Amino acid sequence: MTILLYIVILLLSFYLIAQVSDRFFIPSLDSISGRLNIRSDVAGATLMAIGSSAPELFIALIAVFHPDGHAEIGMGTIVGSALFNVLAIIGAAALVRKAFISWQPVLRDTIFYLIAIVALAYVFFNDEITLWEAILLIVIYVIYIFAVIYWGRFFKYRDDAVEIEKGEELKSIKRYRLFRMLIKPLDLILNITFLKSKHYLLNFIISIMWIAFLSWVLVHSAIALSEILHIPESLIALTVLAIGTSVPDLISSVIVAKKGRGGMAISNALGSNIFDVLLGLGLPWLIAIIIFNKSIEVKSQSIATSVILLFGSVIITFSLMLLRRWVIKKPTGIILLALYVAYLVWEILGVLTG
């Protein structure tokens, strides 16, 4: 019964995070970028990346500051989410509709994603994260932002931007009557909590508070399930938390792909991963090291192995797109989704047999 309760809490928390991000956080960021007159590609690589990756970032922050030391949950969520983004999201986008990809932004994001993975492997090498290693990850992300700004001057490409109707990616799950009954009170609470769209600055602050609270709930639920089921926290983070926080991105990418913008879905998946690895891990580590005045210990073999899988997944994905001459079809999607399923089976069997 206790396990069922925690599962329900996880599901409702995932739903609330998706609602807060989709209905309030990302629209408020969009309004802020418009008010500041930030270019769309720069806003996408900065403010929009924060919007789509905020749950992973806050989970990493809360996990690293947990008094009992559960930093592996934050790392596992981000690494698992990165694998989900590359294999499952791009695979699903390929299944929905054939897409012609602009190779220039994909090449840029692939290069920086590989650099991010190499940097992550480097900071894992000594089983502890130092101040300068945390700074290194953040500096690489700053360089990536400059690359986004100036890349188009050297490599011309078409902007695949497309507007997604607010709340569109969540409409389908509301069709289920039982789930609709469960979430109706939650929707009412959100409607009371937030203000009208013109108060986007206040909604931005309220959104951060909601995401921080829900991330705290997710971290504690993951710890509780780990103790009840006697399985590593990193496994729950790599699978349950990673998939749960990435499902809204999956649905959004499928919607974008249906509109003939599969290239945008791929760029968003890679760009979100760059943010997750460099800032989603680098920033919490930097803050924790400064506050506690000591290095962050890293002792998760499964996460270290997943870093290798990250490298392999992006190489395979890029190679498939290159072989297909920057056109992705259903066979590509099937291969990527099969690889992700194989990864999940491998992780689970590793725990059961270990």
Protein backbone atom coordinates (compact mmCIF):
# COMPACT_ATOMS: atom_id res chain seq x y z
CA MET A 1 0.00 0.00 0.00
CA THR A 2 2.86 2.36 0.83
CA ILE A 3 4.48 1.65 -2.54
CA LEU A 4 1.21 2.43 -4.33
CA LEU A 5 0.93 5.72 -2.43
CA TYR A 6 4.41 6.81 -3.51
CA ILE A 7 3.69 5.82 -7.10
CA VAL A 8 0.55 7.99 -7.09
CA ILE A 9 2.54 10.87 -5.57
CA LEU A 10 5.16 10.50 -8.31
CA LEU A 11 2.56 10.48 -11.09
CA LEU A 12 0.70 13.51 -9.75
CA SER A 13 3.98 15.37 -9.22
CA PHE A 14 5.01 14.65 -12.81
CA TYR A 15 1.66 15.98 -13.99
CA LEU A 16 1.92 19.14 -11.89
CA ILE A 17 5.47 19.83 -13.07
CA ALA A 18 4.34 19.44 -16.67
CA GLN A 19 1.38 21.77 -16.10
CA VAL A 20 3.40 24.43 -14.31
CA SER A 21 6.14 24.36 -16.94
CA ASP A 22 3.78 24.31 -19.92
CA ARG A 23 1.10 26.76 -18.78
CA PHE A 24 3.07 29.25 -16.72
CA PHE A 25 6.87 28.88 -16.57
CA ILE A 26 7.69 28.65 -20.29
CA PRO A 27 5.11 31.32 -21.31
CA SER A 28 6.53 33.70 -18.68
CA LEU A 29 10.04 33.06 -19.99
CA ASP A 30 8.77 33.70 -23.51
CA SER A 31 7.30 37.03 -22.38
CA ILE A 32 10.55 37.98 -20.66
CA SER A 33 12.62 37.19 -23.77
CA GLY A 34 10.20 39.21 -25.89
CA ARG A 35 10.36 42.16 -23.50
CA LEU A 36 14.17 42.04 -23.54
CA ASN A 37 14.14 41.67 -27.35
CA ILE A 38 16.29 38.53 -27.26
CA ARG A 39 16.79 36.73 -30.57
CA SER A 40 14.77 33.52 -30.93
CA ASP A 41 17.80 31.21 -31.27
CA VAL A 42 19.52 32.76 -28.24
CA ALA A 43 16.29 32.61 -26.22
CA GLY A 44 15.87 28.98 -27.19
CA ALA A 45 19.39 28.08 -26.05
CA THR A 46 19.04 29.98 -22.77
CA LEU A 47 15.59 30.85 -21.44
CA MET A 48 13.67 28.10 -23.25
CA ALA A 49 16.30 25.54 -22.28
CA ILE A 50 15.82 26.59 -18.66
CA GLY A 51 12.07 26.18 -19.11
CA SER A 52 12.22 22.65 -20.48
CA SER A 53 15.03 21.51 -18.15
CA ALA A 54 13.96 23.25 -14.95
CA PRO A 55 12.66 20.06 -13.25
CA GLU A 56 15.98 18.25 -13.77
CA LEU A 57 17.90 21.30 -12.55
CA PHE A 58 15.85 21.64 -9.37
CA ILE A 59 15.99 17.90 -8.67
CA ALA A 60 19.79 18.11 -8.94
CA LEU A 61 19.85 21.16 -6.65
CA ILE A 62 17.65 19.57 -3.98
CA ALA A 63 19.44 16.22 -4.18
CA VAL A 64 22.90 17.74 -3.74
CA PHE A 65 21.74 19.75 -0.70
CA HIS A 66 19.88 16.86 0.93
CA PRO A 67 21.25 16.42 4.48
CA ASP A 68 21.76 12.67 4.07
CA GLY A 69 23.72 13.02 0.84
CA HIS A 70 21.71 11.94 -2.20
CA ALA A 71 23.53 13.75 -5.01
CA GLU A 72 23.35 10.60 -7.14
CA ILE A 73 19.61 11.16 -7.62
CA GLY A 74 20.24 14.48 -9.34
CA MET A 75 23.04 13.08 -11.48
CA GLY A 76 21.02 9.99 -12.37
CA THR A 77 17.97 12.05 -13.36
CA ILE A 78 20.00 14.27 -15.68
CA VAL A 79 22.01 11.44 -17.24
CA GLY A 80 18.88 9.30 -17.67
CA SER A 81 16.95 12.24 -19.10
CA ALA A 82 19.76 12.88 -21.58
CA LEU A 83 19.57 9.28 -22.81
CA PHE A 84 15.78 9.52 -23.04
CA ASN A 85 16.01 12.76 -25.04
CA VAL A 86 18.47 11.41 -27.60
CA LEU A 87 17.01 7.93 -28.09
CA ALA A 88 13.31 8.10 -27.18
CA ILE A 89 12.40 11.67 -28.17
CA ILE A 90 14.31 11.71 -31.46
CA GLY A 91 13.11 8.16 -32.14
CA ALA A 92 9.47 9.10 -31.53
CA ALA A 93 9.81 12.19 -33.72
CA ALA A 94 11.20 10.01 -36.53
CA LEU A 95 8.28 7.58 -36.21
CA VAL A 96 5.66 10.30 -36.51
CA ARG A 97 6.73 11.85 -39.79
CA LYS A 98 9.66 11.92 -42.20
CA ALA A 99 11.80 14.96 -41.48
CA PHE A 100 14.38 16.85 -43.52
CA ILE A 101 16.99 18.18 -41.12
CA SER A 102 19.11 21.32 -41.35
CA TRP A 103 22.51 19.81 -40.65
CA GLN A 104 24.15 23.04 -39.48
CA PRO A 105 22.49 23.41 -36.04
CA VAL A 106 22.56 19.63 -35.51
CA LEU A 107 26.31 19.59 -36.17
CA ARG A 108 26.81 22.48 -33.71
CA ASP A 109 24.75 20.87 -30.96
CA THR A 110 26.32 17.46 -31.53
CA ILE A 111 29.84 18.89 -31.21
CA PHE A 112 29.00 20.71 -27.97
CA TYR A 113 27.07 17.74 -26.59
CA LEU A 114 30.11 15.52 -27.15
CA ILE A 115 32.30 18.14 -25.47
CA ALA A 116 29.85 18.21 -22.55
CA ILE A 117 29.99 14.42 -22.20
CA VAL A 118 33.81 14.40 -22.31
CA ALA A 119 33.86 17.14 -19.67
CA LEU A 120 31.42 15.13 -17.53
CA ALA A 121 33.61 12.03 -17.83
CA TYR A 122 36.61 14.12 -16.82
CA VAL A 123 34.97 15.47 -13.66
CA PHE A 124 33.83 11.94 -12.72
CA PHE A 125 37.36 10.58 -13.08
CA ASN A 126 38.59 11.23 -9.52
CA ASP A 127 35.30 10.35 -7.76
CA GLU A 128 34.89 13.94 -6.58
CA ILE A 129 33.87 17.27 -8.08
CA THR A 130 36.10 20.25 -7.32
CA LEU A 131 35.34 23.95 -7.61
CA TRP A 132 37.27 24.36 -10.85
CA GLU A 133 35.61 21.34 -12.42
CA ALA A 134 32.16 22.78 -11.67
CA ILE A 135 33.26 26.12 -13.14
CA LEU A 136 34.58 24.30 -16.22
CA LEU A 137 31.11 22.91 -17.03
CA ILE A 138 29.51 26.36 -16.71
CA VAL A 139 32.21 28.01 -18.85
CA ILE A 140 31.63 25.47 -21.62
CA TYR A 141 27.93 26.32 -21.59
CA VAL A 142 28.73 30.04 -21.89
CA ILE A 143 30.90 29.23 -24.91
CA TYR A 144 27.98 27.26 -26.34
CA ILE A 145 25.74 30.32 -26.04
CA PHE A 146 28.25 32.37 -28.04
CA ALA A 147 28.36 29.58 -30.62
CA VAL A 148 24.55 29.73 -30.92
CA ILE A 149 24.72 33.49 -31.45
CA TYR A 150 27.43 33.44 -34.13
CA TRP A 151 26.96 30.01 -35.77
CA GLY A 152 24.47 31.32 -38.30
CA ARG A 153 27.02 33.85 -39.59
CA PHE A 154 29.28 31.03 -40.77
CA PHE A 155 26.68 28.35 -41.56
CA LYS A 156 23.42 29.64 -43.03
CA TYR A 157 20.30 27.58 -42.32
CA ARG A 158 16.53 27.88 -42.19
CA ASP A 159 14.89 28.52 -38.82
CA ASP A 160 12.36 25.76 -38.08
CA ALA A 161 10.62 27.64 -35.30
CA VAL A 162 6.97 26.73 -34.84
CA GLU A 163 4.52 27.82 -32.19
CA ILE A 164 2.88 25.16 -30.05
CA GLU A 165 -0.55 25.95 -28.72
CA LYS A 166 -0.43 26.43 -24.96
CA GLY A 167 -1.41 23.24 -23.20
CA GLU A 168 -1.55 21.28 -26.44
CA GLU A 169 0.82 18.55 -25.33
CA LEU A 170 -1.25 17.78 -22.23
CA LYS A 171 -4.71 17.61 -23.78
CA SER A 172 -4.53 13.95 -24.72
CA ILE A 173 -3.85 12.68 -21.20
CA LYS A 174 -6.84 14.62 -19.87
CA ARG A 175 -9.20 12.47 -21.94
CA TYR A 176 -9.02 9.64 -19.42
CA ARG A 177 -11.94 10.04 -17.03
CA LEU A 178 -10.28 8.57 -13.92
CA PHE A 179 -7.16 10.66 -14.34
CA ARG A 180 -9.28 13.74 -15.02
CA MET A 181 -11.08 13.20 -11.70
CA LEU A 182 -7.77 12.99 -9.85
CA ILE A 183 -6.25 16.09 -11.43
CA LYS A 184 -9.29 18.37 -11.30
CA PRO A 185 -8.53 19.58 -7.73
CA LEU A 186 -4.87 20.05 -8.72
CA ASP A 187 -5.84 22.18 -11.71
CA LEU A 188 -8.07 24.25 -9.43
CA ILE A 189 -5.17 24.86 -7.03
CA LEU A 190 -2.91 25.94 -9.91
CA ASN A 191 -5.56 28.32 -11.27
CA ILE A 192 -5.89 29.92 -7.83
CA THR A 193 -2.13 30.13 -7.31
CA PHE A 194 -1.19 31.82 -10.59
CA LEU A 195 -2.13 35.23 -11.94
CA LYS A 196 -3.19 36.40 -15.38
CA SER A 197 -0.63 36.16 -18.17
CA LYS A 198 0.13 39.88 -18.08
CA HIS A 199 1.77 39.38 -14.67
CA TYR A 200 4.48 37.20 -16.19
CA LEU A 201 7.22 38.25 -13.76
CA LEU A 202 5.18 37.17 -10.76
CA ASN A 203 4.14 33.98 -12.55
CA PHE A 204 7.83 33.31 -13.24
CA ILE A 205 8.60 33.52 -9.51
CA ILE A 206 5.57 31.43 -8.54
CA SER A 207 6.55 28.82 -11.14
CA ILE A 208 10.03 28.51 -9.66
CA MET A 209 8.52 28.00 -6.21
CA TRP A 210 6.17 25.29 -7.53
CA ILE A 211 8.90 23.47 -9.46
CA ALA A 212 11.24 23.62 -6.45
CA PHE A 213 8.55 22.17 -4.16
CA LEU A 214 7.57 19.42 -6.61
CA SER A 215 11.22 18.54 -7.18
CA TRP A 216 11.60 18.19 -3.40
CA VAL A 217 8.60 15.82 -3.41
CA LEU A 218 10.12 13.78 -6.25
CA VAL A 219 13.50 13.49 -4.53
CA HIS A 220 11.97 12.32 -1.25
CA SER A 221 9.62 9.90 -3.04
CA ALA A 222 12.58 8.44 -4.93
CA ILE A 223 14.54 7.99 -1.70
CA ALA A 224 11.54 6.31 -0.02
CA LEU A 225 10.94 3.93 -2.94
CA SER A 226 14.63 3.07 -3.02
CA GLU A 227 14.55 2.11 0.64
CA ILE A 228 11.28 0.15 0.39
CA LEU A 229 12.25 -1.78 -2.75
CA HIS A 230 15.92 -2.13 -1.76
CA ILE A 231 17.20 -0.87 -5.10
CA PRO A 232 19.83 1.83 -5.80
CA GLU A 233 18.63 5.42 -5.85
CA SER A 234 20.54 5.93 -9.08
CA LEU A 235 18.37 3.32 -10.86
CA ILE A 236 15.14 5.11 -9.91
CA ALA A 237 16.68 8.40 -11.03
CA LEU A 238 18.01 6.97 -14.32
CA THR A 239 14.63 5.46 -15.20
CA VAL A 240 11.52 6.68 -13.34
CA LEU A 241 12.52 10.28 -12.60
CA ALA A 242 14.30 10.73 -15.93
CA ILE A 243 11.33 9.50 -17.96
CA GLY A 244 8.75 11.29 -15.81
CA THR A 245 10.40 14.70 -16.13
CA SER A 246 11.00 14.23 -19.88
CA VAL A 247 7.56 13.00 -20.99
CA PRO A 248 6.25 16.58 -21.58
CA ASP A 249 9.23 17.20 -23.86
CA LEU A 250 8.46 13.93 -25.66
CA ILE A 251 4.85 14.93 -26.29
CA SER A 252 5.86 18.44 -27.41
CA SER A 253 8.45 17.00 -29.81
CA VAL A 254 5.89 14.63 -31.32
CA ILE A 255 3.51 17.56 -31.87
CA VAL A 256 6.29 19.57 -33.49
CA ALA A 257 7.24 16.58 -35.69
CA LYS A 258 3.62 16.18 -36.82
CA LYS A 259 3.76 19.77 -38.04
CA GLY A 260 6.73 18.90 -40.23
CA ARG A 261 9.40 20.29 -37.91
CA GLY A 262 11.25 17.11 -36.95
CA GLY A 263 14.55 18.96 -37.21
CA MET A 264 13.41 21.33 -34.50
CA ALA A 265 12.56 18.38 -32.24
CA ILE A 266 16.05 16.98 -32.72
CA SER A 267 17.75 20.33 -32.04
CA ASN A 268 15.63 20.85 -28.94
CA ALA A 269 16.54 17.40 -27.59
CA LEU A 270 20.27 17.98 -28.08
CA GLY A 271 20.14 21.57 -26.82
CA SER A 272 18.25 20.51 -23.70
CA ASN A 273 20.87 17.84 -23.02
CA ILE A 274 23.68 20.37 -23.29
CA PHE A 275 21.93 22.52 -20.69
CA ASP A 276 21.24 19.53 -18.42
CA VAL A 277 24.81 18.25 -18.40
CA LEU A 278 26.63 21.57 -18.19
CA LEU A 279 24.34 23.77 -16.09
CA GLY A 280 21.99 21.17 -14.60
CA LEU A 281 24.98 19.53 -12.92
CA GLY A 282 27.59 22.30 -12.94
CA LEU A 283 25.47 24.94 -11.20
CA PRO A 284 24.27 22.80 -8.25
CA TRP A 285 27.80 21.49 -7.76
CA LEU A 286 29.24 25.02 -7.83
CA ILE A 287 26.73 26.34 -5.30
CA ALA A 288 27.18 23.35 -2.98
CA ILE A 289 31.00 23.56 -3.10
CA ILE A 290 30.94 27.28 -2.31
CA ILE A 291 28.46 26.89 0.57
CA PHE A 292 29.97 23.76 2.15
CA ASN A 293 33.57 24.64 1.20
CA LYS A 294 34.37 21.08 0.15
CA SER A 295 34.34 18.89 -2.96
CA ILE A 296 31.32 16.80 -3.99
CA GLU A 297 31.88 13.05 -3.80
CA VAL A 298 30.74 10.92 -6.72
CA LYS A 299 30.53 7.17 -6.14
CA SER A 300 27.99 5.81 -8.60
CA GLN A 301 29.36 3.18 -10.99
CA SER A 302 26.04 2.99 -12.85
CA ILE A 303 26.11 6.71 -13.58
CA ALA A 304 29.73 6.51 -14.74
CA THR A 305 28.71 3.70 -17.10
CA SER A 306 25.79 5.79 -18.32
CA VAL A 307 28.21 8.55 -19.30
CA ILE A 308 29.76 6.06 -21.72
CA LEU A 309 26.27 5.23 -22.98
CA LEU A 310 25.60 8.95 -23.53
CA PHE A 311 28.64 9.18 -25.76
CA GLY A 312 27.62 6.08 -27.69
CA SER A 313 24.01 7.20 -28.11
CA VAL A 314 24.87 10.55 -29.67
CA ILE A 315 27.46 8.97 -31.99
CA ILE A 316 24.90 6.39 -33.17
CA THR A 317 22.18 9.04 -33.63
CA PHE A 318 24.47 11.40 -35.55
CA SER A 319 25.77 8.53 -37.72
CA LEU A 320 22.22 7.44 -38.60
CA MET A 321 21.31 10.98 -39.66
CA LEU A 322 24.53 11.27 -41.67
CA LEU A 323 23.98 7.92 -43.42
CA ARG A 324 20.39 8.94 -44.22
CA ARG A 325 21.70 12.23 -45.66
CA TRP A 326 19.91 14.28 -43.00
CA VAL A 327 16.54 12.70 -43.57
CA ILE A 328 15.04 10.66 -40.74
CA LYS A 329 12.28 8.10 -41.30
CA LYS A 330 10.51 5.36 -39.36
CA PRO A 331 13.42 2.85 -39.54
CA THR A 332 15.64 5.39 -37.77
CA GLY A 333 13.00 5.90 -35.09
CA ILE A 334 12.57 2.16 -34.56
CA ILE A 335 16.35 1.69 -34.12
CA LEU A 336 16.62 4.52 -31.59
CA LEU A 337 13.59 3.42 -29.56
CA ALA A 338 14.85 -0.18 -29.57
CA LEU A 339 18.20 1.03 -28.23
CA TYR A 340 16.46 2.88 -25.40
CA VAL A 341 14.38 -0.16 -24.48
CA ALA A 342 17.56 -2.25 -24.52
CA TYR A 343 19.20 0.28 -22.20
CA LEU A 344 16.30 0.08 -19.73
CA VAL A 345 16.38 -3.72 -19.75
CA TRP A 346 20.15 -3.67 -19.23
CA GLU A 347 19.85 -1.30 -16.25
CA ILE A 348 17.09 -3.33 -14.60
CA LEU A 349 18.80 -6.68 -15.17
CA GLY A 350 22.00 -5.21 -13.78
CA VAL A 351 20.22 -4.50 -10.48
CA LEU A 352 18.37 -7.82 -10.35
CA THR A 353 21.51 -9.86 -11.01
CA GLY A 354 23.89 -7.64 -9.05
